[in-house]
């Protein structure tokens, strides 16, 4: 993939439910040719677009490079096809590789056997044995089989993109950074009003809101797998990284507030905000739900992820939501509120008419984002 010499095929893995907001994010960043597909967004472009997607986009989980596609009806055919691809570009010095295969409506249904053949093809190409990697170590190859059509991709991101690099300390049941950012994009958050998470935990919603309000690119504080590739272009990388760094704005017109009853969670949130570079924009404080009050002189946006699942008994979730809704209604007149509710909690649990904006999975639990005005 020489710099800007041709158009390459990429794929962004997107959390289910956030495809449309992710597509809008792509277009806003100047990346064109985006098509929504099962599991994410496909797009085409130059090497700079790959770098730009990793550095600037907030919703993807990974950015993949499409290495090639072929048709195969038998496992024995896979090795020959895979051996034709230039693995020496992507697997420099790697003797172990992670292979994730998915098969749908295909006679090649045994994904473990498919992964073995993929490793066999890579080993033949490199002229040395390549073994399956353990855990999360090693480069990642993804294979998608539909019928007799096989698509092979290599991950350019390395660690999942929700790992921005700032969240070292976590509280219970933290929401992933890219999910938090996706929720804020669904809500149309721009940073021009006060923001409050009254159940902030380790501060993910508040920090992502501050990053978006200040224009700080989410990938500036971390590294990526593509930086180790043989075709990595330092000059193009420098240009795109400088472009991402220049997007930052010094401040926003609203304050970013986080409140939680757990002092350790609040300490974690402050440390995470410091590492994210938004400590000056954020205000975290210990505050129980009964003592909650508006931290700003004008209404803004409230986003909350109440306890559910393993954090609280199912029978108690209804009571918590009812009490939470009552407190918001009494003390936050004029505020717009968005709350994550598990699928089994009815719309009337908050005591107000709500509108569902998006549904998705969080920690293996089906949840939905509901919105209402106070």
Protein backbone atom coordinates (compact mmCIF):
# COMPACT_ATOMS: atom_id res chain seq x y z
CA UNK A 1 0.00 0.00 0.00
CA UNK A 2 2.28 2.85 -1.13
CA UNK A 3 1.13 6.25 -0.04
CA UNK A 4 -1.81 7.62 -2.07
CA UNK A 5 -0.84 5.46 -5.06
CA UNK A 6 -4.17 3.70 -5.28
CA UNK A 7 -7.52 3.20 -3.63
CA UNK A 8 -7.63 0.56 -0.90
CA UNK A 9 -10.53 -1.21 0.76
CA UNK A 10 -11.15 -0.82 4.47
CA UNK A 11 -13.80 -1.87 6.97
CA UNK A 12 -14.68 -0.25 10.29
CA UNK A 13 -16.15 -2.58 12.92
CA UNK A 14 -19.02 -0.68 14.57
CA UNK A 15 -21.07 -1.62 17.65
CA UNK A 16 -24.48 -2.86 16.41
CA UNK A 17 -27.05 -0.09 16.56
CA UNK A 18 -24.57 2.72 15.87
CA UNK A 19 -23.96 2.19 12.15
CA UNK A 20 -25.84 5.27 10.98
CA UNK A 21 -24.28 7.67 13.46
CA UNK A 22 -20.87 6.17 12.59
CA UNK A 23 -21.48 6.76 8.89
CA UNK A 24 -22.25 10.41 9.62
CA UNK A 25 -19.04 10.62 11.63
CA UNK A 26 -17.08 9.24 8.66
CA UNK A 27 -18.56 11.82 6.32
CA UNK A 28 -17.89 14.66 8.77
CA UNK A 29 -14.22 13.65 8.93
CA UNK A 30 -13.89 13.81 5.14
CA UNK A 31 -13.79 10.04 4.52
CA UNK A 32 -15.96 9.21 1.51
CA UNK A 33 -17.28 6.11 -0.19
CA UNK A 34 -18.85 4.76 3.01
CA UNK A 35 -21.33 1.89 2.77
CA UNK A 36 -23.19 0.38 5.71
CA UNK A 37 -22.76 -3.41 5.88
CA UNK A 38 -23.52 -6.06 8.51
CA UNK A 39 -21.14 -5.35 11.39
CA UNK A 40 -19.92 -1.96 10.32
CA UNK A 41 -18.94 0.46 7.57
CA UNK A 42 -16.91 -0.34 4.45
CA UNK A 43 -15.01 2.47 2.78
CA UNK A 44 -12.29 3.03 0.22
CA UNK A 45 -9.43 5.46 0.17
CA UNK A 46 -5.72 6.16 0.42
CA UNK A 47 -3.41 5.19 3.25
CA UNK A 48 -4.10 8.57 4.86
CA UNK A 49 -7.75 7.58 5.26
CA UNK A 50 -6.71 4.49 7.23
CA UNK A 51 -4.61 6.65 9.55
CA UNK A 52 -7.36 9.25 9.81
CA UNK A 53 -9.99 6.67 10.75
CA UNK A 54 -7.85 5.24 13.55
CA UNK A 55 -6.88 8.62 14.96
CA UNK A 56 -10.09 10.61 14.66
CA UNK A 57 -13.19 8.43 14.65
CA UNK A 58 -14.90 7.88 18.00
CA UNK A 59 -17.38 5.05 17.34
CA UNK A 60 -15.42 2.20 15.63
CA UNK A 61 -14.04 -0.78 17.52
CA UNK A 62 -11.43 -1.62 14.88
CA UNK A 63 -10.35 -0.52 11.41
CA UNK A 64 -9.57 -3.44 9.10
CA UNK A 65 -7.71 -3.58 5.80
CA UNK A 66 -9.28 -5.91 3.24
CA UNK A 67 -6.41 -8.12 2.11
CA UNK A 68 -8.35 -10.16 -0.44
CA UNK A 69 -11.36 -12.30 -1.22
CA UNK A 70 -11.79 -15.63 -2.94
CA UNK A 71 -14.26 -18.45 -3.47
CA UNK A 72 -13.71 -21.80 -1.79
CA UNK A 73 -15.89 -24.86 -1.35
CA UNK A 74 -13.30 -27.00 0.44
CA UNK A 75 -10.85 -26.36 3.27
CA UNK A 76 -7.94 -27.46 1.12
CA UNK A 77 -8.49 -24.49 -1.20
CA UNK A 78 -7.98 -21.92 1.56
CA UNK A 79 -4.23 -22.49 1.97
CA UNK A 80 -3.46 -21.87 -1.71
CA UNK A 81 -5.44 -18.63 -1.80
CA UNK A 82 -4.10 -17.22 1.47
CA UNK A 83 -0.50 -18.01 0.51
CA UNK A 84 -0.78 -15.48 -2.35
CA UNK A 85 -1.28 -12.51 -0.04
CA UNK A 86 1.68 -10.29 1.04
CA UNK A 87 1.77 -11.27 4.72
CA UNK A 88 5.39 -10.15 4.99
CA UNK A 89 4.06 -6.57 4.93
CA UNK A 90 1.82 -6.99 7.98
CA UNK A 91 3.46 -9.69 10.10
CA UNK A 92 7.01 -8.47 10.52
CA UNK A 93 8.79 -10.78 12.98
CA UNK A 94 5.53 -12.34 14.17
CA UNK A 95 5.56 -16.08 14.80
CA UNK A 96 2.09 -16.14 16.35
CA UNK A 97 -1.12 -14.73 14.93
CA UNK A 98 -4.71 -14.47 16.13
CA UNK A 99 -7.25 -15.68 13.58
CA UNK A 100 -10.96 -15.04 14.06
CA UNK A 101 -13.23 -16.74 11.56
CA UNK A 102 -16.99 -16.42 11.12
CA UNK A 103 -19.03 -18.62 8.80
CA UNK A 104 -22.61 -18.23 7.60
CA UNK A 105 -24.56 -20.48 5.25
CA UNK A 106 -21.39 -22.27 4.18
CA UNK A 107 -20.14 -25.82 4.08
CA UNK A 108 -16.97 -24.35 5.60
CA UNK A 109 -18.74 -24.20 8.92
CA UNK A 110 -15.88 -25.39 11.15
CA UNK A 111 -14.24 -22.07 11.98
CA UNK A 112 -11.42 -23.74 13.90
CA UNK A 113 -10.45 -25.71 10.80
CA UNK A 114 -10.68 -22.54 8.71
CA UNK A 115 -8.31 -20.76 11.11
CA UNK A 116 -5.82 -23.64 10.82
CA UNK A 117 -5.84 -23.34 7.02
CA UNK A 118 -5.36 -19.58 7.24
CA UNK A 119 -2.27 -20.12 9.40
CA UNK A 120 -1.09 -22.73 6.94
CA UNK A 121 -1.33 -20.28 4.05
CA UNK A 122 0.50 -17.57 6.00
CA UNK A 123 3.25 -20.03 6.97
CA UNK A 124 3.72 -21.06 3.35
CA UNK A 125 3.98 -17.43 2.23
CA UNK A 126 6.48 -16.48 4.94
CA UNK A 127 8.49 -19.68 4.68
CA UNK A 128 8.35 -20.27 8.42
CA UNK A 129 5.83 -21.75 10.85
CA UNK A 130 3.25 -19.36 12.25
CA UNK A 131 1.30 -20.49 15.31
CA UNK A 132 -2.00 -19.41 16.85
CA UNK A 133 -1.47 -16.64 19.38
CA UNK A 134 -2.79 -16.97 22.90
CA UNK A 135 -5.02 -14.39 24.54
CA UNK A 136 -4.97 -10.91 23.04
CA UNK A 137 -1.35 -10.97 21.92
CA UNK A 138 -0.22 -10.97 18.31
CA UNK A 139 -1.53 -9.51 15.05
CA UNK A 140 -5.19 -10.15 14.29
CA UNK A 141 -6.52 -11.68 11.06
CA UNK A 142 -10.28 -11.79 10.48
CA UNK A 143 -12.01 -14.12 8.03
CA UNK A 144 -15.65 -13.82 7.02
CA UNK A 145 -17.25 -16.64 5.04
CA UNK A 146 -20.66 -16.30 3.42
CA UNK A 147 -21.62 -19.28 1.29
CA UNK A 148 -18.47 -20.07 -0.67
CA UNK A 149 -17.17 -16.48 -0.60
CA UNK A 150 -14.27 -15.75 1.79
CA UNK A 151 -13.10 -12.27 2.80
CA UNK A 152 -9.73 -11.94 4.57
CA UNK A 153 -8.79 -8.81 6.51
CA UNK A 154 -6.00 -7.66 8.81
CA UNK A 155 -6.59 -5.43 11.82
CA UNK A 156 -4.82 -2.07 11.63
CA UNK A 157 -5.77 -0.84 15.11
CA UNK A 158 -4.10 -3.27 17.51
CA UNK A 159 -5.83 -2.77 20.85
CA UNK A 160 -9.55 -2.08 20.32
CA UNK A 161 -10.22 1.57 19.59
CA UNK A 162 -12.33 2.04 22.71
CA UNK A 163 -9.03 1.88 24.60
CA UNK A 164 -8.17 5.54 24.22
CA UNK A 165 -5.27 5.30 26.64
CA UNK A 166 -6.71 7.42 29.45
CA UNK A 167 -8.87 4.95 31.38
CA UNK A 168 -6.48 3.13 33.69
CA UNK A 169 -8.74 3.31 36.74
CA UNK A 170 -12.25 1.90 36.33
CA UNK A 171 -15.35 1.64 38.47
CA UNK A 172 -17.98 -1.10 38.39
CA UNK A 173 -19.68 -1.90 35.05
CA UNK A 174 -17.87 0.80 33.01
CA UNK A 175 -19.29 1.58 29.59
CA UNK A 176 -16.81 1.38 26.74
CA UNK A 177 -15.49 4.67 25.46
CA UNK A 178 -16.69 4.19 21.88
CA UNK A 179 -20.19 3.28 23.09
CA UNK A 180 -20.25 6.40 25.26
CA UNK A 181 -19.13 8.49 22.29
CA UNK A 182 -21.72 6.84 20.04
CA UNK A 183 -24.47 7.67 22.54
CA UNK A 184 -23.34 11.30 22.67
CA UNK A 185 -23.34 11.46 18.87
CA UNK A 186 -26.86 10.00 18.80
CA UNK A 187 -27.87 12.78 21.19
CA UNK A 188 -26.25 15.41 18.97
CA UNK A 189 -23.86 16.56 21.69
CA UNK A 190 -21.78 19.59 20.64
CA UNK A 191 -20.52 20.96 23.95
CA UNK A 192 -22.53 24.18 23.87
CA UNK A 193 -24.48 23.44 27.06
CA UNK A 194 -23.73 22.05 30.54
CA UNK A 195 -23.33 18.27 30.77
CA UNK A 196 -23.99 16.10 33.83
CA UNK A 197 -23.57 12.41 34.56
CA UNK A 198 -25.07 11.95 38.04
CA UNK A 199 -23.87 8.32 38.23
CA UNK A 200 -20.48 8.88 36.63
CA UNK A 201 -18.41 5.97 37.97
CA UNK A 202 -14.92 6.34 36.48
CA UNK A 203 -16.07 9.25 34.33
CA UNK A 204 -16.32 7.83 30.82
CA UNK A 205 -19.39 9.80 29.70
CA UNK A 206 -18.06 13.06 31.12
CA UNK A 207 -14.59 12.58 29.63
CA UNK A 208 -15.91 11.60 26.20
CA UNK A 209 -18.24 14.61 26.30
CA UNK A 210 -15.27 16.85 27.12
CA UNK A 211 -13.11 15.31 24.38
CA UNK A 212 -15.86 15.92 21.84
CA UNK A 213 -16.57 19.44 23.08
CA UNK A 214 -12.89 20.36 22.90
CA UNK A 215 -12.33 18.63 19.56
CA UNK A 216 -9.56 16.36 20.87
CA UNK A 217 -9.10 13.34 18.60
CA UNK A 218 -9.59 10.07 20.54
CA UNK A 219 -6.50 8.29 19.17
CA UNK A 220 -3.82 10.88 19.88
CA UNK A 221 -2.63 9.21 23.11
CA UNK A 222 -2.18 5.65 21.84
CA UNK A 223 -0.39 3.58 19.22
CA UNK A 224 -1.74 1.36 16.43
CA UNK A 225 -0.79 -1.93 14.79
CA UNK A 226 -0.35 -0.28 11.38
CA UNK A 227 2.61 1.69 12.74
CA UNK A 228 4.61 -1.58 12.76
CA UNK A 229 3.83 -2.56 9.15
CA UNK A 230 6.49 -2.57 6.47
CA UNK A 231 4.45 -0.16 4.33
CA UNK A 232 3.93 2.33 7.18
CA UNK A 233 4.41 5.85 5.79
CA UNK A 234 5.90 8.13 8.49
CA UNK A 235 5.43 11.25 6.36
CA UNK A 236 1.74 10.59 5.74
CA UNK A 237 1.28 9.64 9.39
CA UNK A 238 2.85 12.90 10.54
CA UNK A 239 0.56 14.93 8.29
CA UNK A 240 -2.61 13.15 9.42
CA UNK A 241 -1.62 13.23 13.08
CA UNK A 242 -0.87 16.96 12.90
CA UNK A 243 -4.23 17.44 11.21
CA UNK A 244 -5.96 15.59 14.07
CA UNK A 245 -4.05 17.56 16.71
CA UNK A 246 -5.09 20.85 15.12
CA UNK A 247 -8.77 20.00 15.58
CA UNK A 248 -8.61 20.74 19.29
CA UNK A 249 -10.40 23.78 20.68
CA UNK A 250 -9.25 25.40 23.95
CA UNK A 251 -12.60 25.18 25.71
CA UNK A 252 -16.35 24.79 25.35
CA UNK A 253 -19.32 26.92 26.38
CA UNK A 254 -20.70 24.41 28.90
CA UNK A 255 -19.25 22.72 31.98
CA UNK A 256 -18.77 18.93 32.18
CA UNK A 257 -19.89 17.58 35.56
CA UNK A 258 -19.66 14.11 37.09
CA UNK A 259 -21.19 13.04 40.39
CA UNK A 260 -21.02 9.70 42.19
CA UNK A 261 -21.56 8.48 45.75
CA UNK A 262 -18.35 6.40 45.68
CA UNK A 263 -15.23 8.46 46.59
CA UNK A 264 -12.93 5.91 44.92
CA UNK A 265 -14.89 6.17 41.67
CA UNK A 266 -14.62 9.96 41.76
CA UNK A 267 -10.84 9.75 42.35
CA UNK A 268 -10.60 7.36 39.38
CA UNK A 269 -12.60 9.76 37.21
CA UNK A 270 -10.33 12.66 38.08
CA UNK A 271 -7.22 10.64 37.21
CA UNK A 272 -8.73 9.48 33.93
CA UNK A 273 -9.68 13.04 33.00
CA UNK A 274 -6.11 14.17 33.74
CA UNK A 275 -4.68 11.52 31.42
CA UNK A 276 -7.23 12.42 28.73
CA UNK A 277 -6.14 16.06 28.85
CA UNK A 278 -9.57 17.38 29.89
CA UNK A 279 -9.15 17.79 33.65
CA UNK A 280 -9.60 21.57 33.38
CA UNK A 281 -12.93 21.10 31.57
CA UNK A 282 -14.39 18.61 34.04
CA UNK A 283 -15.78 18.83 37.56
CA UNK A 284 -16.07 15.58 39.54
CA UNK A 285 -17.43 15.45 43.09
CA UNK A 286 -18.75 12.93 45.59
CA UNK A 287 -22.52 13.23 45.75
CA UNK A 288 -25.25 10.75 46.59
CA UNK A 289 -28.44 10.63 44.59
CA UNK A 290 -30.54 12.22 47.36
CA UNK A 291 -28.19 15.23 47.49
CA UNK A 292 -28.06 15.70 43.72
CA UNK A 293 -28.78 19.19 42.39
CA UNK A 294 -28.08 21.21 39.28
CA UNK A 295 -24.37 22.14 39.03
CA UNK A 296 -24.98 24.86 36.43
CA UNK A 297 -26.88 28.13 36.15
CA UNK A 298 -28.73 27.00 33.01
CA UNK A 299 -30.22 23.72 31.79
CA UNK A 300 -28.16 21.25 29.80
CA UNK A 301 -27.88 17.54 29.05
CA UNK A 302 -27.99 14.70 31.58
CA UNK A 303 -26.73 11.25 30.56
CA UNK A 304 -26.91 8.41 33.06
CA UNK A 305 -26.21 4.69 33.18
CA UNK A 306 -28.15 3.44 36.24
CA UNK A 307 -27.16 0.17 37.95
CA UNK A 308 -28.66 -3.02 36.55
CA UNK A 309 -27.67 -6.62 35.94
CA UNK A 310 -25.04 -7.88 38.38
CA UNK A 311 -24.76 -4.46 40.05
CA UNK A 312 -28.27 -4.57 41.51
CA UNK A 313 -31.06 -7.10 41.96
CA UNK A 314 -33.62 -7.00 39.16
CA UNK A 315 -36.43 -6.26 41.60
CA UNK A 316 -34.53 -3.20 42.85
CA UNK A 317 -33.91 -1.74 39.39
CA UNK A 318 -37.54 -0.62 39.09
CA UNK A 319 -37.39 1.15 42.45
CA UNK A 320 -34.11 2.85 41.65
CA UNK A 321 -35.37 4.12 38.29
CA UNK A 322 -38.57 5.46 39.86
CA UNK A 323 -36.64 7.31 42.57
CA UNK A 324 -34.11 8.58 40.02
CA UNK A 325 -36.90 9.91 37.79
CA UNK A 326 -38.56 11.67 40.73
CA UNK A 327 -35.32 13.43 41.74
CA UNK A 328 -34.65 14.58 38.18
CA UNK A 329 -38.22 15.88 37.82
CA UNK A 330 -38.01 17.94 41.03
CA UNK A 331 -34.56 19.45 40.60
CA UNK A 332 -33.71 19.65 36.89
CA UNK A 333 -36.48 21.61 35.21
CA UNK A 334 -35.60 22.41 31.61
CA UNK A 335 -32.87 19.77 31.32
CA UNK A 336 -32.79 17.16 28.58
CA UNK A 337 -32.20 13.69 29.99
CA UNK A 338 -31.00 10.44 28.42
CA UNK A 339 -30.90 7.20 30.42
CA UNK A 340 -29.72 3.67 29.63
CA UNK A 341 -32.38 1.14 30.59
CA UNK A 342 -32.14 -2.66 30.37
CA UNK A 343 -34.65 -4.31 28.05
CA UNK A 344 -36.80 -5.67 30.89
CA UNK A 345 -37.46 -2.25 32.41
CA UNK A 346 -40.69 -0.69 31.04
CA UNK A 347 -40.78 2.83 29.58
CA UNK A 348 -42.86 4.16 32.48
CA UNK A 349 -40.23 3.17 35.09
CA UNK A 350 -38.82 6.73 35.17
CA UNK A 351 -42.27 8.18 35.75
CA UNK A 352 -42.21 10.23 32.54
CA UNK A 353 -42.99 9.67 28.84
CA UNK A 354 -39.77 8.64 27.09
CA UNK A 355 -38.57 8.14 23.54
CA UNK A 356 -36.20 5.30 22.57
CA UNK A 357 -33.26 6.52 20.49
CA UNK A 358 -31.12 3.39 20.05
CA UNK A 359 -30.91 -0.19 21.35
CA UNK A 360 -27.69 -2.19 21.74
CA UNK A 361 -25.82 -4.65 23.97
CA UNK A 362 -23.76 -3.55 26.96
CA UNK A 363 -21.84 -6.21 28.85
CA UNK A 364 -24.01 -8.90 27.26
CA UNK A 365 -27.21 -7.17 28.39
CA UNK A 366 -29.69 -5.70 25.91
CA UNK A 367 -30.23 -2.04 26.76
CA UNK A 368 -31.84 0.97 25.14
CA UNK A 369 -31.18 4.67 25.33
CA UNK A 370 -34.32 6.63 26.21
CA UNK A 371 -34.71 10.39 26.18
CA UNK A 372 -37.10 12.82 27.84
CA UNK A 373 -37.36 16.49 28.71
CA UNK A 374 -37.90 17.64 32.29
